[in-house]
């Protein structure tokens, strides 16, 4: 998407490759096992300090979407929406032990 490249060049809050990294980080995060997500919530996640916060990445994707033309924004929303669907998918109930 050439519009993303243009935004990364012209916006002071973006660097080259930021949108691609944000998409990758969000996609990887939502596909993690639920058990790992639980530990993030309990103990914090020091991994985020070096490699990026997936929630900040998701917020960046929203910001970029707002800066894009409607057609390109819709295309990016479709891509992000696939990961959002994984994140929002209901979990099966735990079996009684």
PDB file of N, CA and C in Angstrom:
ATOM      1  N   UNK A   1       0.840  -1.180   0.000  1.00  0.00           N
ATOM      2  CA  UNK A   1       0.000   0.000   0.000  1.00  0.00           C
ATOM      3  C   UNK A   1       0.885   1.243   0.000  1.00  0.00           C
ATOM      4  N   UNK A   2       0.864   1.913  -1.086  1.00  0.00           N
ATOM      5  CA  UNK A   2       1.714   3.093  -1.234  1.00  0.00           C
ATOM      6  C   UNK A   2       1.292   4.211  -0.284  1.00  0.00           C
ATOM      7  N   UNK A   3       0.031   4.231   0.088  1.00  0.00           N
ATOM      8  CA  UNK A   3      -0.420   5.290   1.001  1.00  0.00           C
ATOM      9  C   UNK A   3       0.229   5.146   2.379  1.00  0.00           C
ATOM     10  N   UNK A   4       0.441   3.930   2.816  1.00  0.00           N
ATOM     11  CA  UNK A   4       1.119   3.708   4.099  1.00  0.00           C
ATOM     12  C   UNK A   4       2.551   4.198   4.024  1.00  0.00           C
ATOM     13  N   UNK A   5       3.224   3.885   2.935  1.00  0.00           N
ATOM     14  CA  UNK A   5       4.611   4.353   2.755  1.00  0.00           C
ATOM     15  C   UNK A   5       4.643   5.879   2.781  1.00  0.00           C
ATOM     16  N   UNK A   6       3.687   6.503   2.116  1.00  0.00           N
ATOM     17  CA  UNK A   6       3.620   7.964   2.098  1.00  0.00           C
ATOM     18  C   UNK A   6       3.396   8.510   3.514  1.00  0.00           C
ATOM     19  N   UNK A   7       2.490   7.912   4.262  1.00  0.00           N
ATOM     20  CA  UNK A   7       2.235   8.372   5.636  1.00  0.00           C
ATOM     21  C   UNK A   7       3.478   8.203   6.513  1.00  0.00           C
ATOM     22  N   UNK A   8       4.167   7.081   6.354  1.00  0.00           N
ATOM     23  CA  UNK A   8       5.366   6.844   7.160  1.00  0.00           C
ATOM     24  C   UNK A   8       6.469   7.860   6.840  1.00  0.00           C
ATOM     25  N   UNK A   9       6.469   8.381   5.649  1.00  0.00           N
ATOM     26  CA  UNK A   9       7.466   9.387   5.271  1.00  0.00           C
ATOM     27  C   UNK A   9       7.074  10.790   5.731  1.00  0.00           C
ATOM     28  N   UNK A  10       5.776  11.072   5.783  1.00  0.00           N
ATOM     29  CA  UNK A  10       5.332  12.451   6.009  1.00  0.00           C
ATOM     30  C   UNK A  10       4.830  12.730   7.417  1.00  0.00           C
ATOM     31  N   UNK A  11       4.555  11.735   8.212  1.00  0.00           N
ATOM     32  CA  UNK A  11       4.034  11.964   9.567  1.00  0.00           C
ATOM     33  C   UNK A  11       5.155  11.851  10.586  1.00  0.00           C
ATOM     34  N   UNK A  12       5.191  12.797  11.518  1.00  0.00           N
ATOM     35  CA  UNK A  12       6.277  12.794  12.495  1.00  0.00           C
ATOM     36  C   UNK A  12       6.111  11.708  13.556  1.00  0.00           C
ATOM     37  N   UNK A  13       4.961  11.100  13.647  1.00  0.00           N
ATOM     38  CA  UNK A  13       4.741  10.036  14.633  1.00  0.00           C
ATOM     39  C   UNK A  13       4.990   8.640  14.048  1.00  0.00           C
ATOM     40  N   UNK A  14       5.412   8.577  12.791  1.00  0.00           N
ATOM     41  CA  UNK A  14       5.678   7.297  12.137  1.00  0.00           C
ATOM     42  C   UNK A  14       7.093   7.245  11.586  1.00  0.00           C
ATOM     43  N   UNK A  15       7.649   6.057  11.608  1.00  0.00           N
ATOM     44  CA  UNK A  15       8.922   5.797  10.953  1.00  0.00           C
ATOM     45  C   UNK A  15       8.689   4.699   9.928  1.00  0.00           C
ATOM     46  N   UNK A  16       9.635   4.535   9.050  1.00  0.00           N
ATOM     47  CA  UNK A  16       9.518   3.523   8.009  1.00  0.00           C
ATOM     48  C   UNK A  16       9.318   2.134   8.635  1.00  0.00           C
ATOM     49  N   UNK A  17       8.276   1.432   8.222  1.00  0.00           N
ATOM     50  CA  UNK A  17       8.006   0.083   8.691  1.00  0.00           C
ATOM     51  C   UNK A  17       7.162   0.003   9.951  1.00  0.00           C
ATOM     52  N   UNK A  18       6.759   1.134  10.541  1.00  0.00           N
ATOM     53  CA  UNK A  18       5.977   1.110  11.785  1.00  0.00           C
ATOM     54  C   UNK A  18       4.642   0.391  11.632  1.00  0.00           C
ATOM     55  N   UNK A  19       3.955   0.612  10.539  1.00  0.00           N
ATOM     56  CA  UNK A  19       2.635  -0.006  10.353  1.00  0.00           C
ATOM     57  C   UNK A  19       2.786  -1.513  10.186  1.00  0.00           C
ATOM     58  N   UNK A  20       3.759  -1.934   9.422  1.00  0.00           N
ATOM     59  CA  UNK A  20       4.007  -3.365   9.243  1.00  0.00           C
ATOM     60  C   UNK A  20       4.339  -4.024  10.578  1.00  0.00           C
ATOM     61  N   UNK A  21       5.193  -3.366  11.375  1.00  0.00           N
ATOM     62  CA  UNK A  21       5.549  -3.922  12.688  1.00  0.00           C
ATOM     63  C   UNK A  21       4.343  -3.963  13.615  1.00  0.00           C
ATOM     64  N   UNK A  22       3.520  -2.928  13.574  1.00  0.00           N
ATOM     65  CA  UNK A  22       2.316  -2.898  14.420  1.00  0.00           C
ATOM     66  C   UNK A  22       1.357  -4.019  14.031  1.00  0.00           C
ATOM     67  N   UNK A  23       1.179  -4.238  12.733  1.00  0.00           N
ATOM     68  CA  UNK A  23       0.319  -5.335  12.280  1.00  0.00           C
ATOM     69  C   UNK A  23       0.853  -6.686  12.752  1.00  0.00           C
ATOM     70  N   UNK A  24       2.151  -6.896  12.609  1.00  0.00           N
ATOM     71  CA  UNK A  24       2.765  -8.163  13.021  1.00  0.00           C
ATOM     72  C   UNK A  24       2.624  -8.373  14.527  1.00  0.00           C
ATOM     73  N   UNK A  25       2.913  -7.334  15.300  1.00  0.00           N
ATOM     74  CA  UNK A  25       2.858  -7.438  16.758  1.00  0.00           C
ATOM     75  C   UNK A  25       1.441  -7.750  17.231  1.00  0.00           C
ATOM     76  N   UNK A  26       0.447  -7.061  16.677  1.00  0.00           N
ATOM     77  CA  UNK A  26      -0.942  -7.305  17.072  1.00  0.00           C
ATOM     78  C   UNK A  26      -1.378  -8.713  16.666  1.00  0.00           C
ATOM     79  N   UNK A  27      -1.034  -9.129  15.455  1.00  0.00           N
ATOM     80  CA  UNK A  27      -1.404 -10.456  14.969  1.00  0.00           C
ATOM     81  C   UNK A  27      -0.781 -11.549  15.839  1.00  0.00           C
ATOM     82  N   UNK A  28       0.498 -11.403  16.169  1.00  0.00           N
ATOM     83  CA  UNK A  28       1.163 -12.400  17.003  1.00  0.00           C
ATOM     84  C   UNK A  28       0.559 -12.433  18.406  1.00  0.00           C
ATOM     85  N   UNK A  29       0.241 -11.277  18.941  1.00  0.00           N
ATOM     86  CA  UNK A  29      -0.286 -11.207  20.308  1.00  0.00           C
ATOM     87  C   UNK A  29      -1.646 -11.889  20.424  1.00  0.00           C
ATOM     88  N   UNK A  30      -2.542 -11.616  19.506  1.00  0.00           N
ATOM     89  CA  UNK A  30      -3.895 -12.178  19.637  1.00  0.00           C
ATOM     90  C   UNK A  30      -3.917 -13.688  19.416  1.00  0.00           C
ATOM     91  N   UNK A  31      -2.877 -14.227  18.822  1.00  0.00           N
ATOM     92  CA  UNK A  31      -2.820 -15.666  18.574  1.00  0.00           C
ATOM     93  C   UNK A  31      -2.064 -16.431  19.664  1.00  0.00           C
ATOM     94  N   UNK A  32      -1.608 -15.726  20.685  1.00  0.00           N
ATOM     95  CA  UNK A  32      -0.918 -16.394  21.788  1.00  0.00           C
ATOM     96  C   UNK A  32      -1.908 -17.228  22.596  1.00  0.00           C
ATOM     97  N   UNK A  33      -1.440 -18.295  23.216  1.00  0.00           N
ATOM     98  CA  UNK A  33      -2.329 -19.088  24.071  1.00  0.00           C
ATOM     99  C   UNK A  33      -2.875 -18.234  25.214  1.00  0.00           C
ATOM    100  N   UNK A  34      -4.105 -18.503  25.585  1.00  0.00           N
ATOM    101  CA  UNK A  34      -4.765 -17.715  26.633  1.00  0.00           C
ATOM    102  C   UNK A  34      -3.954 -17.725  27.931  1.00  0.00           C
ATOM    103  N   UNK A  35      -3.304 -18.830  28.224  1.00  0.00           N
ATOM    104  CA  UNK A  35      -2.517 -18.936  29.449  1.00  0.00           C
ATOM    105  C   UNK A  35      -1.420 -17.862  29.480  1.00  0.00           C
ATOM    106  N   UNK A  36      -0.779 -17.616  28.355  1.00  0.00           N
ATOM    107  CA  UNK A  36       0.261 -16.594  28.308  1.00  0.00           C
ATOM    108  C   UNK A  36      -0.322 -15.202  28.485  1.00  0.00           C
ATOM    109  N   UNK A  37      -1.495 -14.939  27.948  1.00  0.00           N
ATOM    110  CA  UNK A  37      -2.137 -13.648  28.115  1.00  0.00           C
ATOM    111  C   UNK A  37      -2.452 -13.404  29.589  1.00  0.00           C
ATOM    112  N   UNK A  38      -2.803 -14.451  30.268  1.00  0.00           N
ATOM    113  CA  UNK A  38      -3.124 -14.365  31.684  1.00  0.00           C
ATOM    114  C   UNK A  38      -1.915 -13.904  32.472  1.00  0.00           C
ATOM    115  N   UNK A  39      -0.741 -14.444  32.185  1.00  0.00           N
ATOM    116  CA  UNK A  39       0.478 -14.053  32.885  1.00  0.00           C
ATOM    117  C   UNK A  39       0.824 -12.591  32.621  1.00  0.00           C
ATOM    118  N   UNK A  40       0.567 -12.106  31.436  1.00  0.00           N
ATOM    119  CA  UNK A  40       0.807 -10.691  31.156  1.00  0.00           C
ATOM    120  C   UNK A  40       0.018  -9.828  32.127  1.00  0.00           C
ATOM    121  N   UNK A  41      -1.216 -10.207  32.346  1.00  0.00           N
ATOM    122  CA  UNK A  41      -2.110  -9.448  33.199  1.00  0.00           C
ATOM    123  C   UNK A  41      -1.671  -9.515  34.664  1.00  0.00           C
ATOM    124  N   UNK A  42      -1.202 -10.674  35.106  1.00  0.00           N
ATOM    125  CA  UNK A  42      -0.812 -10.854  36.500  1.00  0.00           C
ATOM    126  C   UNK A  42       0.512 -10.196  36.840  1.00  0.00           C
ATOM    127  N   UNK A  43       1.497 -10.401  36.004  1.00  0.00           N
ATOM    128  CA  UNK A  43       2.858 -10.030  36.357  1.00  0.00           C
ATOM    129  C   UNK A  43       3.417  -8.877  35.535  1.00  0.00           C
ATOM    130  N   UNK A  44       2.712  -8.411  34.571  1.00  0.00           N
ATOM    131  CA  UNK A  44       3.292  -7.452  33.636  1.00  0.00           C
ATOM    132  C   UNK A  44       4.136  -8.220  32.636  1.00  0.00           C
ATOM    133  N   UNK A  45       4.525  -7.562  31.589  1.00  0.00           N
ATOM    134  CA  UNK A  45       5.273  -8.261  30.556  1.00  0.00           C
ATOM    135  C   UNK A  45       6.490  -7.432  30.193  1.00  0.00           C
ATOM    136  N   UNK A  46       7.657  -7.841  30.691  1.00  0.00           N
ATOM    137  CA  UNK A  46       8.880  -7.100  30.400  1.00  0.00           C
ATOM    138  C   UNK A  46       9.282  -7.227  28.936  1.00  0.00           C
ATOM    139  N   UNK A  47       8.758  -8.220  28.239  1.00  0.00           N
ATOM    140  CA  UNK A  47       9.022  -8.386  26.806  1.00  0.00           C
ATOM    141  C   UNK A  47       8.584  -7.137  26.047  1.00  0.00           C
ATOM    142  N   UNK A  48       7.521  -6.496  26.486  1.00  0.00           N
ATOM    143  CA  UNK A  48       7.003  -5.324  25.799  1.00  0.00           C
ATOM    144  C   UNK A  48       7.987  -4.176  25.801  1.00  0.00           C
ATOM    145  N   UNK A  49       8.852  -4.099  26.829  1.00  0.00           N
ATOM    146  CA  UNK A  49       9.799  -2.997  26.894  1.00  0.00           C
ATOM    147  C   UNK A  49      10.767  -3.014  25.713  1.00  0.00           C
ATOM    148  N   UNK A  50      11.153  -4.200  25.280  1.00  0.00           N
ATOM    149  CA  UNK A  50      12.131  -4.278  24.191  1.00  0.00           C
ATOM    150  C   UNK A  50      11.478  -4.429  22.828  1.00  0.00           C
ATOM    151  N   UNK A  51      10.321  -5.055  22.787  1.00  0.00           N
ATOM    152  CA  UNK A  51       9.787  -5.475  21.494  1.00  0.00           C
ATOM    153  C   UNK A  51       8.456  -4.842  21.128  1.00  0.00           C
ATOM    154  N   UNK A  52       7.903  -4.007  21.967  1.00  0.00           N
ATOM    155  CA  UNK A  52       6.675  -3.303  21.631  1.00  0.00           C
ATOM    156  C   UNK A  52       5.458  -3.801  22.361  1.00  0.00           C
ATOM    157  N   UNK A  53       4.607  -2.882  22.722  1.00  0.00           N
ATOM    158  CA  UNK A  53       3.352  -3.168  23.407  1.00  0.00           C
ATOM    159  C   UNK A  53       2.281  -3.420  22.344  1.00  0.00           C
ATOM    160  N   UNK A  54       1.640  -4.591  22.349  1.00  0.00           N
ATOM    161  CA  UNK A  54       0.645  -4.874  21.314  1.00  0.00           C
ATOM    162  C   UNK A  54      -0.569  -3.945  21.375  1.00  0.00           C
ATOM    163  N   UNK A  55      -0.887  -3.429  22.555  1.00  0.00           N
ATOM    164  CA  UNK A  55      -2.023  -2.518  22.656  1.00  0.00           C
ATOM    165  C   UNK A  55      -1.678  -1.140  22.098  1.00  0.00           C
ATOM    166  N   UNK A  56      -0.435  -0.721  22.253  1.00  0.00           N
ATOM    167  CA  UNK A  56       0.014   0.514  21.601  1.00  0.00           C
ATOM    168  C   UNK A  56       0.045   0.321  20.089  1.00  0.00           C
ATOM    169  N   UNK A  57       0.457  -0.866  19.652  1.00  0.00           N
ATOM    170  CA  UNK A  57       0.474  -1.172  18.215  1.00  0.00           C
ATOM    171  C   UNK A  57      -0.939  -1.088  17.649  1.00  0.00           C
ATOM    172  N   UNK A  58      -1.902  -1.626  18.386  1.00  0.00           N
ATOM    173  CA  UNK A  58      -3.300  -1.592  17.908  1.00  0.00           C
ATOM    174  C   UNK A  58      -3.807  -0.164  17.843  1.00  0.00           C
ATOM    175  N   UNK A  59      -3.445   0.649  18.835  1.00  0.00           N
ATOM    176  CA  UNK A  59      -3.847   2.058  18.829  1.00  0.00           C
ATOM    177  C   UNK A  59      -3.212   2.803  17.652  1.00  0.00           C
ATOM    178  N   UNK A  60      -1.960   2.486  17.348  1.00  0.00           N
ATOM    179  CA  UNK A  60      -1.301   3.097  16.194  1.00  0.00           C
ATOM    180  C   UNK A  60      -2.038   2.754  14.902  1.00  0.00           C
ATOM    181  N   UNK A  61      -2.487   1.517  14.789  1.00  0.00           N
ATOM    182  CA  UNK A  61      -3.225   1.119  13.587  1.00  0.00           C
ATOM    183  C   UNK A  61      -4.517   1.930  13.451  1.00  0.00           C
ATOM    184  N   UNK A  62      -5.189   2.207  14.557  1.00  0.00           N
ATOM    185  CA  UNK A  62      -6.385   3.059  14.507  1.00  0.00           C
ATOM    186  C   UNK A  62      -6.031   4.474  14.048  1.00  0.00           C
ATOM    187  N   UNK A  63      -4.928   5.005  14.573  1.00  0.00           N
ATOM    188  CA  UNK A  63      -4.499   6.356  14.199  1.00  0.00           C
ATOM    189  C   UNK A  63      -4.173   6.432  12.713  1.00  0.00           C
ATOM    190  N   UNK A  64      -3.459   5.453  12.217  1.00  0.00           N
ATOM    191  CA  UNK A  64      -3.085   5.426  10.799  1.00  0.00           C
ATOM    192  C   UNK A  64      -4.340   5.304   9.935  1.00  0.00           C
ATOM    193  N   UNK A  65      -5.274   4.489  10.360  1.00  0.00           N
ATOM    194  CA  UNK A  65      -6.524   4.319   9.610  1.00  0.00           C
ATOM    195  C   UNK A  65      -7.248   5.652   9.450  1.00  0.00           C
ATOM    196  N   UNK A  66      -7.239   6.459  10.504  1.00  0.00           N
ATOM    197  CA  UNK A  66      -7.913   7.758  10.447  1.00  0.00           C
ATOM    198  C   UNK A  66      -7.213   8.732   9.507  1.00  0.00           C
ATOM    199  N   UNK A  67      -5.916   8.543   9.304  1.00  0.00           N
ATOM    200  CA  UNK A  67      -5.156   9.446   8.438  1.00  0.00           C
ATOM    201  C   UNK A  67      -5.223   9.048   6.961  1.00  0.00           C
ATOM    202  N   UNK A  68      -5.782   7.900   6.673  1.00  0.00           N
ATOM    203  CA  UNK A  68      -5.802   7.379   5.304  1.00  0.00           C
ATOM    204  C   UNK A  68      -7.062   7.788   4.557  1.00  0.00           C
ATOM    205  N   UNK A  69      -7.017   7.626   3.256  1.00  0.00           N
ATOM    206  CA  UNK A  69      -8.209   7.825   2.442  1.00  0.00           C
ATOM    207  C   UNK A  69      -9.227   6.740   2.802  1.00  0.00           C
ATOM    208  N   UNK A  70     -10.510   6.982   2.578  1.00  0.00           N
ATOM    209  CA  UNK A  70     -11.525   5.988   2.946  1.00  0.00           C
ATOM    210  C   UNK A  70     -11.305   4.607   2.339  1.00  0.00           C
ATOM    211  N   UNK A  71     -10.900   4.567   1.089  1.00  0.00           N
ATOM    212  CA  UNK A  71     -10.697   3.275   0.423  1.00  0.00           C
ATOM    213  C   UNK A  71      -9.532   2.499   1.047  1.00  0.00           C
ATOM    214  N   UNK A  72      -8.407   3.169   1.255  1.00  0.00           N
ATOM    215  CA  UNK A  72      -7.249   2.511   1.860  1.00  0.00           C
ATOM    216  C   UNK A  72      -7.515   2.156   3.316  1.00  0.00           C
ATOM    217  N   UNK A  73      -8.242   3.027   4.016  1.00  0.00           N
ATOM    218  CA  UNK A  73      -8.581   2.751   5.416  1.00  0.00           C
ATOM    219  C   UNK A  73      -9.441   1.500   5.519  1.00  0.00           C
ATOM    220  N   UNK A  74     -10.374   1.336   4.609  1.00  0.00           N
ATOM    221  CA  UNK A  74     -11.226   0.142   4.616  1.00  0.00           C
ATOM    222  C   UNK A  74     -10.393  -1.115   4.392  1.00  0.00           C
ATOM    223  N   UNK A  75      -9.419  -1.021   3.511  1.00  0.00           N
ATOM    224  CA  UNK A  75      -8.549  -2.168   3.245  1.00  0.00           C
ATOM    225  C   UNK A  75      -7.727  -2.527   4.490  1.00  0.00           C
ATOM    226  N   UNK A  76      -7.165  -1.517   5.142  1.00  0.00           N
ATOM    227  CA  UNK A  76      -6.396  -1.767   6.361  1.00  0.00           C
ATOM    228  C   UNK A  76      -7.306  -2.307   7.468  1.00  0.00           C
ATOM    229  N   UNK A  77      -8.514  -1.775   7.579  1.00  0.00           N
ATOM    230  CA  UNK A  77      -9.456  -2.286   8.593  1.00  0.00           C
ATOM    231  C   UNK A  77      -9.776  -3.758   8.371  1.00  0.00           C
ATOM    232  N   UNK A  78      -9.876  -4.177   7.121  1.00  0.00           N
ATOM    233  CA  UNK A  78     -10.129  -5.601   6.838  1.00  0.00           C
ATOM    234  C   UNK A  78      -8.972  -6.464   7.343  1.00  0.00           C
ATOM    235  N   UNK A  79      -7.753  -6.007   7.102  1.00  0.00           N
ATOM    236  CA  UNK A  79      -6.579  -6.761   7.552  1.00  0.00           C
ATOM    237  C   UNK A  79      -6.536  -6.813   9.077  1.00  0.00           C
ATOM    238  N   UNK A  80      -6.708  -5.673   9.716  1.00  0.00           N
ATOM    239  CA  UNK A  80      -6.684  -5.607  11.183  1.00  0.00           C
ATOM    240  C   UNK A  80      -7.882  -6.362  11.761  1.00  0.00           C
ATOM    241  N   UNK A  81      -8.994  -6.303  11.069  1.00  0.00           N
ATOM    242  CA  UNK A  81     -10.209  -6.965  11.541  1.00  0.00           C
ATOM    243  C   UNK A  81     -10.060  -8.467  11.702  1.00  0.00           C
ATOM    244  N   UNK A  82      -9.224  -9.079  10.885  1.00  0.00           N
ATOM    245  CA  UNK A  82      -8.998 -10.521  11.034  1.00  0.00           C
ATOM    246  C   UNK A  82      -8.381 -10.831  12.391  1.00  0.00           C
ATOM    247  N   UNK A  83      -7.423 -10.044  12.814  1.00  0.00           N
ATOM    248  CA  UNK A  83      -6.811 -10.257  14.134  1.00  0.00           C
ATOM    249  C   UNK A  83      -7.764  -9.845  15.248  1.00  0.00           C
ATOM    250  N   UNK A  84      -8.506  -8.762  15.036  1.00  0.00           N
ATOM    251  CA  UNK A  84      -9.492  -8.357  16.037  1.00  0.00           C
ATOM    252  C   UNK A  84     -10.525  -9.449  16.265  1.00  0.00           C
ATOM    253  N   UNK A  85     -10.893 -10.143  15.198  1.00  0.00           N
ATOM    254  CA  UNK A  85     -11.874 -11.229  15.322  1.00  0.00           C
ATOM    255  C   UNK A  85     -11.329 -12.356  16.193  1.00  0.00           C
ATOM    256  N   UNK A  86     -10.041 -12.640  16.069  1.00  0.00           N
ATOM    257  CA  UNK A  86      -9.416 -13.661  16.919  1.00  0.00           C
ATOM    258  C   UNK A  86      -9.433 -13.190  18.368  1.00  0.00           C
ATOM    259  N   UNK A  87      -9.104 -11.920  18.593  1.00  0.00           N
ATOM    260  CA  UNK A  87      -9.059 -11.356  19.935  1.00  0.00           C
ATOM    261  C   UNK A  87     -10.446 -11.372  20.580  1.00  0.00           C
ATOM    262  N   UNK A  88     -11.481 -11.101  19.816  1.00  0.00           N
ATOM    263  CA  UNK A  88     -12.840 -10.997  20.352  1.00  0.00           C
ATOM    264  C   UNK A  88     -13.615 -12.309  20.341  1.00  0.00           C
ATOM    265  N   UNK A  89     -12.999 -13.364  19.862  1.00  0.00           N
ATOM    266  CA  UNK A  89     -13.682 -14.666  19.774  1.00  0.00           C
ATOM    267  C   UNK A  89     -13.964 -15.175  21.182  1.00  0.00           C
ATOM    268  N   UNK A  90     -15.188 -15.631  21.424  1.00  0.00           N
ATOM    269  CA  UNK A  90     -15.495 -16.170  22.756  1.00  0.00           C
ATOM    270  C   UNK A  90     -14.684 -17.440  23.023  1.00  0.00           C
ATOM    271  N   UNK A  91     -14.218 -17.561  24.235  1.00  0.00           N
ATOM    272  CA  UNK A  91     -13.455 -18.744  24.637  1.00  0.00           C
ATOM    273  C   UNK A  91     -14.421 -19.825  25.117  1.00  0.00           C
ATOM    274  N   UNK A  92     -14.065 -21.092  24.860  1.00  0.00           N
ATOM    275  CA  UNK A  92     -14.920 -22.160  25.368  1.00  0.00           C
ATOM    276  C   UNK A  92     -14.853 -22.175  26.902  1.00  0.00           C
ATOM    277  N   UNK A  93     -15.939 -22.566  27.557  1.00  0.00           N
ATOM    278  CA  UNK A  93     -15.924 -22.592  29.021  1.00  0.00           C
ATOM    279  C   UNK A  93     -14.937 -23.653  29.514  1.00  0.00           C
ATOM    280  N   UNK A  94     -14.365 -23.396  30.677  1.00  0.00           N
ATOM    281  CA  UNK A  94     -13.456 -24.371  31.279  1.00  0.00           C
ATOM    282  C   UNK A  94     -14.248 -25.565  31.775  1.00  0.00           C
ATOM    283  N   UNK A  95     -13.654 -26.726  31.617  1.00  0.00           N
ATOM    284  CA  UNK A  95     -14.330 -27.931  32.086  1.00  0.00           C
ATOM    285  C   UNK A  95     -14.174 -28.029  33.597  1.00  0.00           C
ATOM    286  N   UNK A  96     -15.208 -28.508  34.252  1.00  0.00           N
ATOM    287  CA  UNK A  96     -15.149 -28.695  35.703  1.00  0.00           C
ATOM    288  C   UNK A  96     -14.193 -29.833  36.014  1.00  0.00           C
ATOM    289  N   UNK A  97     -13.363 -29.628  36.996  1.00  0.00           N
ATOM    290  CA  UNK A  97     -12.378 -30.658  37.344  1.00  0.00           C
ATOM    291  C   UNK A  97     -12.951 -31.654  38.327  1.00  0.00           C
TER     292      UNK A  97
END
